Amino acid sequence: MGEEYRIQVGDEDFFIELLCYNRDLSCLVAFELKVGKFKPEYVSKMDFYLEALDRQEKKNNENPSVGIILCIDKNEKVVEYT
């Protein structure tokens, strides 16, 4: 659906790095691409994006949006705890 997909919450603009639609799952799929190590705050940001997508973009016949965070590196325990 687009790169740097803009969503507006209140009077603020936010940008999802990549937004796609999965026909098999019938849902929007948001991707965040990170060049560094995974950080727990990435999950909160993704949850915010998914909530905004479900409230503003999702159609009634579609399933809830899915988020994927891709990082170059991770600490297994930090990911597990998050």
PDB file of N, CA and C in Angstrom:
ATOM      1  N   MET A   1       0.816  -1.185   0.000  1.00  0.00           N
ATOM      2  CA  MET A   1       0.000   0.000   0.000  1.00  0.00           C
ATOM      3  C   MET A   1       0.864   1.255   0.000  1.00  0.00           C
ATOM      4  N   GLY A   2       2.099   1.113   0.521  1.00  0.00           N
ATOM      5  CA  GLY A   2       2.962   2.273   0.426  1.00  0.00           C
ATOM      6  C   GLY A   2       4.131   2.272   1.386  1.00  0.00           C
ATOM      7  N   GLU A   3       5.132   3.065   0.999  1.00  0.00           N
ATOM      8  CA  GLU A   3       6.276   3.337   1.866  1.00  0.00           C
ATOM      9  C   GLU A   3       5.991   4.632   2.599  1.00  0.00           C
ATOM     10  N   GLU A   4       6.513   4.732   3.818  1.00  0.00           N
ATOM     11  CA  GLU A   4       6.299   5.945   4.611  1.00  0.00           C
ATOM     12  C   GLU A   4       4.815   6.308   4.611  1.00  0.00           C
ATOM     13  N   TYR A   5       3.986   5.322   4.939  1.00  0.00           N
ATOM     14  CA  TYR A   5       2.529   5.491   4.936  1.00  0.00           C
ATOM     15  C   TYR A   5       2.127   6.386   6.100  1.00  0.00           C
ATOM     16  N   ARG A   6       1.449   7.480   5.779  1.00  0.00           N
ATOM     17  CA  ARG A   6       1.099   8.473   6.803  1.00  0.00           C
ATOM     18  C   ARG A   6      -0.217   8.137   7.472  1.00  0.00           C
ATOM     19  N   ILE A   7      -0.201   8.166   8.807  1.00  0.00           N
ATOM     20  CA  ILE A   7      -1.427   8.096   9.579  1.00  0.00           C
ATOM     21  C   ILE A   7      -1.439   9.317  10.491  1.00  0.00           C
ATOM     22  N   GLN A   8      -2.613   9.823  10.747  1.00  0.00           N
ATOM     23  CA  GLN A   8      -2.729  11.002  11.594  1.00  0.00           C
ATOM     24  C   GLN A   8      -3.531  10.642  12.833  1.00  0.00           C
ATOM     25  N   VAL A   9      -2.971  10.976  13.989  1.00  0.00           N
ATOM     26  CA  VAL A   9      -3.648  10.758  15.262  1.00  0.00           C
ATOM     27  C   VAL A   9      -3.701  12.108  15.963  1.00  0.00           C
ATOM     28  N   GLY A  10      -4.903  12.551  16.257  1.00  0.00           N
ATOM     29  CA  GLY A  10      -5.046  13.914  16.761  1.00  0.00           C
ATOM     30  C   GLY A  10      -4.614  14.855  15.655  1.00  0.00           C
ATOM     31  N   ASP A  11      -3.736  15.761  15.976  1.00  0.00           N
ATOM     32  CA  ASP A  11      -3.229  16.670  14.944  1.00  0.00           C
ATOM     33  C   ASP A  11      -1.775  16.374  14.601  1.00  0.00           C
ATOM     34  N   GLU A  12      -1.320  15.141  14.915  1.00  0.00           N
ATOM     35  CA  GLU A  12       0.065  14.751  14.657  1.00  0.00           C
ATOM     36  C   GLU A  12       0.137  13.707  13.549  1.00  0.00           C
ATOM     37  N   ASP A  13       1.181  13.813  12.720  1.00  0.00           N
ATOM     38  CA  ASP A  13       1.434  12.840  11.661  1.00  0.00           C
ATOM     39  C   ASP A  13       2.462  11.824  12.118  1.00  0.00           C
ATOM     40  N   PHE A  14       2.223  10.561  11.755  1.00  0.00           N
ATOM     41  CA  PHE A  14       3.150   9.464  12.021  1.00  0.00           C
ATOM     42  C   PHE A  14       3.327   8.691  10.722  1.00  0.00           C
ATOM     43  N   PHE A  15       4.472   8.047  10.572  1.00  0.00           N
ATOM     44  CA  PHE A  15       4.774   7.364   9.313  1.00  0.00           C
ATOM     45  C   PHE A  15       5.188   5.921   9.560  1.00  0.00           C
ATOM     46  N   ILE A  16       4.440   5.009   8.973  1.00  0.00           N
ATOM     47  CA  ILE A  16       4.770   3.585   9.013  1.00  0.00           C
ATOM     48  C   ILE A  16       5.716   3.334   7.849  1.00  0.00           C
ATOM     49  N   GLU A  17       6.842   2.688   8.123  1.00  0.00           N
ATOM     50  CA  GLU A  17       7.871   2.547   7.088  1.00  0.00           C
ATOM     51  C   GLU A  17       7.375   1.816   5.848  1.00  0.00           C
ATOM     52  N   LEU A  18       6.603   0.758   6.037  1.00  0.00           N
ATOM     53  CA  LEU A  18       6.081   0.005   4.900  1.00  0.00           C
ATOM     54  C   LEU A  18       4.751  -0.605   5.307  1.00  0.00           C
ATOM     55  N   LEU A  19       3.722  -0.380   4.508  1.00  0.00           N
ATOM     56  CA  LEU A  19       2.402  -0.940   4.784  1.00  0.00           C
ATOM     57  C   LEU A  19       1.960  -1.773   3.596  1.00  0.00           C
ATOM     58  N   CYS A  20       1.602  -3.024   3.882  1.00  0.00           N
ATOM     59  CA  CYS A  20       1.155  -3.957   2.846  1.00  0.00           C
ATOM     60  C   CYS A  20      -0.217  -4.507   3.233  1.00  0.00           C
ATOM     61  N   TYR A  21      -0.810  -5.232   2.307  1.00  0.00           N
ATOM     62  CA  TYR A  21      -2.066  -5.928   2.580  1.00  0.00           C
ATOM     63  C   TYR A  21      -1.871  -7.392   2.231  1.00  0.00           C
ATOM     64  N   ASN A  22      -2.216  -8.282   3.173  1.00  0.00           N
ATOM     65  CA  ASN A  22      -2.105  -9.715   2.950  1.00  0.00           C
ATOM     66  C   ASN A  22      -3.490 -10.252   2.600  1.00  0.00           C
ATOM     67  N   ARG A  23      -3.645 -10.713   1.366  1.00  0.00           N
ATOM     68  CA  ARG A  23      -4.953 -11.190   0.916  1.00  0.00           C
ATOM     69  C   ARG A  23      -5.354 -12.484   1.603  1.00  0.00           C
ATOM     70  N   ASP A  24      -4.392 -13.380   1.887  1.00  0.00           N
ATOM     71  CA  ASP A  24      -4.730 -14.641   2.554  1.00  0.00           C
ATOM     72  C   ASP A  24      -5.231 -14.409   3.982  1.00  0.00           C
ATOM     73  N   LEU A  25      -4.601 -13.464   4.696  1.00  0.00           N
ATOM     74  CA  LEU A  25      -5.003 -13.160   6.070  1.00  0.00           C
ATOM     75  C   LEU A  25      -6.099 -12.094   6.144  1.00  0.00           C
ATOM     76  N   SER A  26      -6.349 -11.427   5.042  1.00  0.00           N
ATOM     77  CA  SER A  26      -7.319 -10.316   4.982  1.00  0.00           C
ATOM     78  C   SER A  26      -7.019  -9.261   6.041  1.00  0.00           C
ATOM     79  N   CYS A  27      -5.768  -8.777   6.033  1.00  0.00           N
ATOM     80  CA  CYS A  27      -5.395  -7.761   7.013  1.00  0.00           C
ATOM     81  C   CYS A  27      -4.257  -6.890   6.493  1.00  0.00           C
ATOM     82  N   LEU A  28      -4.140  -5.718   7.111  1.00  0.00           N
ATOM     83  CA  LEU A  28      -3.015  -4.824   6.851  1.00  0.00           C
ATOM     84  C   LEU A  28      -1.788  -5.363   7.592  1.00  0.00           C
ATOM     85  N   VAL A  29      -0.620  -5.191   6.986  1.00  0.00           N
ATOM     86  CA  VAL A  29       0.634  -5.630   7.606  1.00  0.00           C
ATOM     87  C   VAL A  29       1.595  -4.445   7.599  1.00  0.00           C
ATOM     88  N   ALA A  30       1.969  -4.009   8.808  1.00  0.00           N
ATOM     89  CA  ALA A  30       2.889  -2.881   8.967  1.00  0.00           C
ATOM     90  C   ALA A  30       4.286  -3.411   9.262  1.00  0.00           C
ATOM     91  N   PHE A  31       5.276  -2.873   8.555  1.00  0.00           N
ATOM     92  CA  PHE A  31       6.675  -3.250   8.757  1.00  0.00           C
ATOM     93  C   PHE A  31       7.456  -2.055   9.290  1.00  0.00           C
ATOM     94  N   GLU A  32       8.273  -2.299  10.293  1.00  0.00           N
ATOM     95  CA  GLU A  32       9.247  -1.319  10.764  1.00  0.00           C
ATOM     96  C   GLU A  32      10.619  -1.934  10.555  1.00  0.00           C
ATOM     97  N   LEU A  33      11.491  -1.225   9.883  1.00  0.00           N
ATOM     98  CA  LEU A  33      12.829  -1.711   9.561  1.00  0.00           C
ATOM     99  C   LEU A  33      13.844  -0.950  10.404  1.00  0.00           C
ATOM    100  N   LYS A  34      14.603  -1.670  11.221  1.00  0.00           N
ATOM    101  CA  LYS A  34      15.569  -1.045  12.120  1.00  0.00           C
ATOM    102  C   LYS A  34      16.981  -1.508  11.766  1.00  0.00           C
ATOM    103  N   VAL A  35      17.904  -0.553  11.670  1.00  0.00           N
ATOM    104  CA  VAL A  35      19.278  -0.878  11.282  1.00  0.00           C
ATOM    105  C   VAL A  35      20.130  -1.309  12.469  1.00  0.00           C
ATOM    106  N   GLY A  36      19.628  -1.144  13.678  1.00  0.00           N
ATOM    107  CA  GLY A  36      20.397  -1.505  14.873  1.00  0.00           C
ATOM    108  C   GLY A  36      19.799  -2.687  15.600  1.00  0.00           C
ATOM    109  N   LYS A  37      20.187  -2.813  16.842  1.00  0.00           N
ATOM    110  CA  LYS A  37      19.742  -3.890  17.716  1.00  0.00           C
ATOM    111  C   LYS A  37      18.305  -3.627  18.187  1.00  0.00           C
ATOM    112  N   PHE A  38      17.547  -4.702  18.402  1.00  0.00           N
ATOM    113  CA  PHE A  38      16.164  -4.604  18.868  1.00  0.00           C
ATOM    114  C   PHE A  38      16.106  -3.884  20.214  1.00  0.00           C
ATOM    115  N   LYS A  39      15.105  -2.995  20.357  1.00  0.00           N
ATOM    116  CA  LYS A  39      14.849  -2.295  21.611  1.00  0.00           C
ATOM    117  C   LYS A  39      13.392  -2.508  21.992  1.00  0.00           C
ATOM    118  N   PRO A  40      13.090  -2.695  23.281  1.00  0.00           N
ATOM    119  CA  PRO A  40      11.698  -2.936  23.703  1.00  0.00           C
ATOM    120  C   PRO A  40      10.724  -1.841  23.274  1.00  0.00           C
ATOM    121  N   GLU A  41      11.185  -0.606  23.181  1.00  0.00           N
ATOM    122  CA  GLU A  41      10.270   0.475  22.808  1.00  0.00           C
ATOM    123  C   GLU A  41       9.739   0.341  21.377  1.00  0.00           C
ATOM    124  N   TYR A  42      10.390  -0.464  20.557  1.00  0.00           N
ATOM    125  CA  TYR A  42       9.891  -0.686  19.204  1.00  0.00           C
ATOM    126  C   TYR A  42       8.505  -1.338  19.229  1.00  0.00           C
ATOM    127  N   VAL A  43       8.263  -2.187  20.229  1.00  0.00           N
ATOM    128  CA  VAL A  43       6.985  -2.889  20.323  1.00  0.00           C
ATOM    129  C   VAL A  43       5.859  -1.907  20.663  1.00  0.00           C
ATOM    130  N   SER A  44       6.117  -0.981  21.562  1.00  0.00           N
ATOM    131  CA  SER A  44       5.102   0.022  21.910  1.00  0.00           C
ATOM    132  C   SER A  44       4.746   0.880  20.705  1.00  0.00           C
ATOM    133  N   LYS A  45       5.747   1.262  19.942  1.00  0.00           N
ATOM    134  CA  LYS A  45       5.513   2.068  18.747  1.00  0.00           C
ATOM    135  C   LYS A  45       4.669   1.278  17.743  1.00  0.00           C
ATOM    136  N   MET A  46       4.987  -0.003  17.560  1.00  0.00           N
ATOM    137  CA  MET A  46       4.228  -0.829  16.634  1.00  0.00           C
ATOM    138  C   MET A  46       2.793  -1.009  17.121  1.00  0.00           C
ATOM    139  N   ASP A  47       2.602  -1.224  18.421  1.00  0.00           N
ATOM    140  CA  ASP A  47       1.246  -1.348  18.964  1.00  0.00           C
ATOM    141  C   ASP A  47       0.427  -0.086  18.694  1.00  0.00           C
ATOM    142  N   PHE A  48       1.049   1.065  18.823  1.00  0.00           N
ATOM    143  CA  PHE A  48       0.399   2.341  18.526  1.00  0.00           C
ATOM    144  C   PHE A  48      -0.035   2.392  17.059  1.00  0.00           C
ATOM    145  N   TYR A  49       0.872   2.019  16.156  1.00  0.00           N
ATOM    146  CA  TYR A  49       0.551   2.016  14.729  1.00  0.00           C
ATOM    147  C   TYR A  49      -0.604   1.059  14.425  1.00  0.00           C
ATOM    148  N   LEU A  50      -0.575  -0.130  15.015  1.00  0.00           N
ATOM    149  CA  LEU A  50      -1.619  -1.117  14.744  1.00  0.00           C
ATOM    150  C   LEU A  50      -2.977  -0.646  15.242  1.00  0.00           C
ATOM    151  N   GLU A  51      -2.997  -0.014  16.395  1.00  0.00           N
ATOM    152  CA  GLU A  51      -4.258   0.531  16.919  1.00  0.00           C
ATOM    153  C   GLU A  51      -4.798   1.620  15.990  1.00  0.00           C
ATOM    154  N   ALA A  52      -3.922   2.495  15.530  1.00  0.00           N
ATOM    155  CA  ALA A  52      -4.341   3.559  14.608  1.00  0.00           C
ATOM    156  C   ALA A  52      -4.864   2.969  13.295  1.00  0.00           C
ATOM    157  N   LEU A  53      -4.165   1.976  12.763  1.00  0.00           N
ATOM    158  CA  LEU A  53      -4.615   1.341  11.521  1.00  0.00           C
ATOM    159  C   LEU A  53      -5.981   0.688  11.696  1.00  0.00           C
ATOM    160  N   ASP A  54      -6.164  -0.024  12.801  1.00  0.00           N
ATOM    161  CA  ASP A  54      -7.436  -0.711  13.024  1.00  0.00           C
ATOM    162  C   ASP A  54      -8.593   0.269  13.220  1.00  0.00           C
ATOM    163  N   ARG A  55      -8.331   1.397  13.834  1.00  0.00           N
ATOM    164  CA  ARG A  55      -9.397   2.382  14.044  1.00  0.00           C
ATOM    165  C   ARG A  55      -9.689   3.215  12.798  1.00  0.00           C
ATOM    166  N   GLN A  56      -8.661   3.476  11.984  1.00  0.00           N
ATOM    167  CA  GLN A  56      -8.840   4.419  10.883  1.00  0.00           C
ATOM    168  C   GLN A  56      -8.848   3.802   9.490  1.00  0.00           C
ATOM    169  N   GLU A  57      -8.151   2.692   9.287  1.00  0.00           N
ATOM    170  CA  GLU A  57      -7.979   2.153   7.935  1.00  0.00           C
ATOM    171  C   GLU A  57      -8.659   0.804   7.704  1.00  0.00           C
ATOM    172  N   LYS A  58      -8.749  -0.015   8.726  1.00  0.00           N
ATOM    173  CA  LYS A  58      -9.286  -1.371   8.585  1.00  0.00           C
ATOM    174  C   LYS A  58     -10.762  -1.324   8.221  1.00  0.00           C
ATOM    175  N   LYS A  59     -11.131  -2.171   7.268  1.00  0.00           N
ATOM    176  CA  LYS A  59     -12.534  -2.300   6.875  1.00  0.00           C
ATOM    177  C   LYS A  59     -13.214  -3.318   7.805  1.00  0.00           C
ATOM    178  N   ASN A  60     -14.529  -3.252   7.888  1.00  0.00           N
ATOM    179  CA  ASN A  60     -15.282  -4.132   8.793  1.00  0.00           C
ATOM    180  C   ASN A  60     -15.077  -5.611   8.504  1.00  0.00           C
ATOM    181  N   ASN A  61     -14.861  -5.967   7.249  1.00  0.00           N
ATOM    182  CA  ASN A  61     -14.713  -7.379   6.873  1.00  0.00           C
ATOM    183  C   ASN A  61     -13.274  -7.879   7.000  1.00  0.00           C
ATOM    184  N   GLU A  62     -12.344  -7.031   7.433  1.00  0.00           N
ATOM    185  CA  GLU A  62     -10.933  -7.413   7.545  1.00  0.00           C
ATOM    186  C   GLU A  62     -10.575  -7.807   8.972  1.00  0.00           C
ATOM    187  N   ASN A  63      -9.517  -8.599   9.075  1.00  0.00           N
ATOM    188  CA  ASN A  63      -8.988  -9.010  10.377  1.00  0.00           C
ATOM    189  C   ASN A  63      -8.109  -7.899  10.946  1.00  0.00           C
ATOM    190  N   PRO A  64      -7.810  -7.967  12.257  1.00  0.00           N
ATOM    191  CA  PRO A  64      -6.926  -6.962  12.869  1.00  0.00           C
ATOM    192  C   PRO A  64      -5.566  -6.913  12.170  1.00  0.00           C
ATOM    193  N   SER A  65      -4.987  -5.737  12.172  1.00  0.00           N
ATOM    194  CA  SER A  65      -3.686  -5.522  11.534  1.00  0.00           C
ATOM    195  C   SER A  65      -2.581  -6.285  12.248  1.00  0.00           C
ATOM    196  N   VAL A  66      -1.533  -6.592  11.489  1.00  0.00           N
ATOM    197  CA  VAL A  66      -0.375  -7.337  11.989  1.00  0.00           C
ATOM    198  C   VAL A  66       0.860  -6.462  11.832  1.00  0.00           C
ATOM    199  N   GLY A  67       1.762  -6.530  12.810  1.00  0.00           N
ATOM    200  CA  GLY A  67       2.999  -5.761  12.739  1.00  0.00           C
ATOM    201  C   GLY A  67       4.224  -6.650  12.744  1.00  0.00           C
ATOM    202  N   ILE A  68       5.210  -6.281  11.952  1.00  0.00           N
ATOM    203  CA  ILE A  68       6.476  -7.013  11.880  1.00  0.00           C
ATOM    204  C   ILE A  68       7.608  -6.014  12.053  1.00  0.00           C
ATOM    205  N   ILE A  69       8.476  -6.295  13.033  1.00  0.00           N
ATOM    206  CA  ILE A  69       9.638  -5.451  13.291  1.00  0.00           C
ATOM    207  C   ILE A  69      10.874  -6.234  12.863  1.00  0.00           C
ATOM    208  N   LEU A  70      11.613  -5.697  11.905  1.00  0.00           N
ATOM    209  CA  LEU A  70      12.829  -6.353  11.418  1.00  0.00           C
ATOM    210  C   LEU A  70      14.048  -5.566  11.895  1.00  0.00           C
ATOM    211  N   CYS A  71      14.930  -6.249  12.635  1.00  0.00           N
ATOM    212  CA  CYS A  71      16.142  -5.629  13.176  1.00  0.00           C
ATOM    213  C   CYS A  71      17.361  -6.408  12.703  1.00  0.00           C
ATOM    214  N   ILE A  72      18.492  -5.733  12.669  1.00  0.00           N
ATOM    215  CA  ILE A  72      19.740  -6.388  12.281  1.00  0.00           C
ATOM    216  C   ILE A  72      20.217  -7.360  13.355  1.00  0.00           C
ATOM    217  N   ASP A  73      20.000  -7.012  14.621  1.00  0.00           N
ATOM    218  CA  ASP A  73      20.514  -7.823  15.723  1.00  0.00           C
ATOM    219  C   ASP A  73      19.516  -7.804  16.876  1.00  0.00           C
ATOM    220  N   LYS A  74      19.688  -8.734  17.815  1.00  0.00           N
ATOM    221  CA  LYS A  74      18.796  -8.799  18.974  1.00  0.00           C
ATOM    222  C   LYS A  74      19.482  -9.523  20.120  1.00  0.00           C
ATOM    223  N   ASN A  75      19.013  -9.241  21.311  1.00  0.00           N
ATOM    224  CA  ASN A  75      19.364 -10.014  22.500  1.00  0.00           C
ATOM    225  C   ASN A  75      18.169 -10.918  22.763  1.00  0.00           C
ATOM    226  N   GLU A  76      18.369 -12.217  22.707  1.00  0.00           N
ATOM    227  CA  GLU A  76      17.263 -13.176  22.827  1.00  0.00           C
ATOM    228  C   GLU A  76      16.411 -12.931  24.073  1.00  0.00           C
ATOM    229  N   LYS A  77      17.040 -12.681  25.211  1.00  0.00           N
ATOM    230  CA  LYS A  77      16.295 -12.485  26.468  1.00  0.00           C
ATOM    231  C   LYS A  77      15.470 -11.199  26.408  1.00  0.00           C
ATOM    232  N   VAL A  78      16.005 -10.141  25.848  1.00  0.00           N
ATOM    233  CA  VAL A  78      15.253  -8.885  25.740  1.00  0.00           C
ATOM    234  C   VAL A  78      14.031  -9.085  24.867  1.00  0.00           C
ATOM    235  N   VAL A  79      14.176  -9.791  23.759  1.00  0.00           N
ATOM    236  CA  VAL A  79      13.039 -10.078  22.874  1.00  0.00           C
ATOM    237  C   VAL A  79      12.022 -10.944  23.610  1.00  0.00           C
ATOM    238  N   GLU A  80      12.489 -11.968  24.307  1.00  0.00           N
ATOM    239  CA  GLU A  80      11.593 -12.864  25.047  1.00  0.00           C
ATOM    240  C   GLU A  80      10.804 -12.105  26.102  1.00  0.00           C
ATOM    241  N   TYR A  81      11.450 -11.243  26.863  1.00  0.00           N
ATOM    242  CA  TYR A  81      10.775 -10.490  27.921  1.00  0.00           C
ATOM    243  C   TYR A  81       9.786  -9.483  27.338  1.00  0.00           C
ATOM    244  N   THR A  82      10.115  -8.939  26.181  1.00  0.00           N
ATOM    245  CA  THR A  82       9.258  -7.933  25.568  1.00  0.00           C
ATOM    246  C   THR A  82       8.005  -8.581  25.024  1.00  0.00           C
TER     247      THR A  82
END
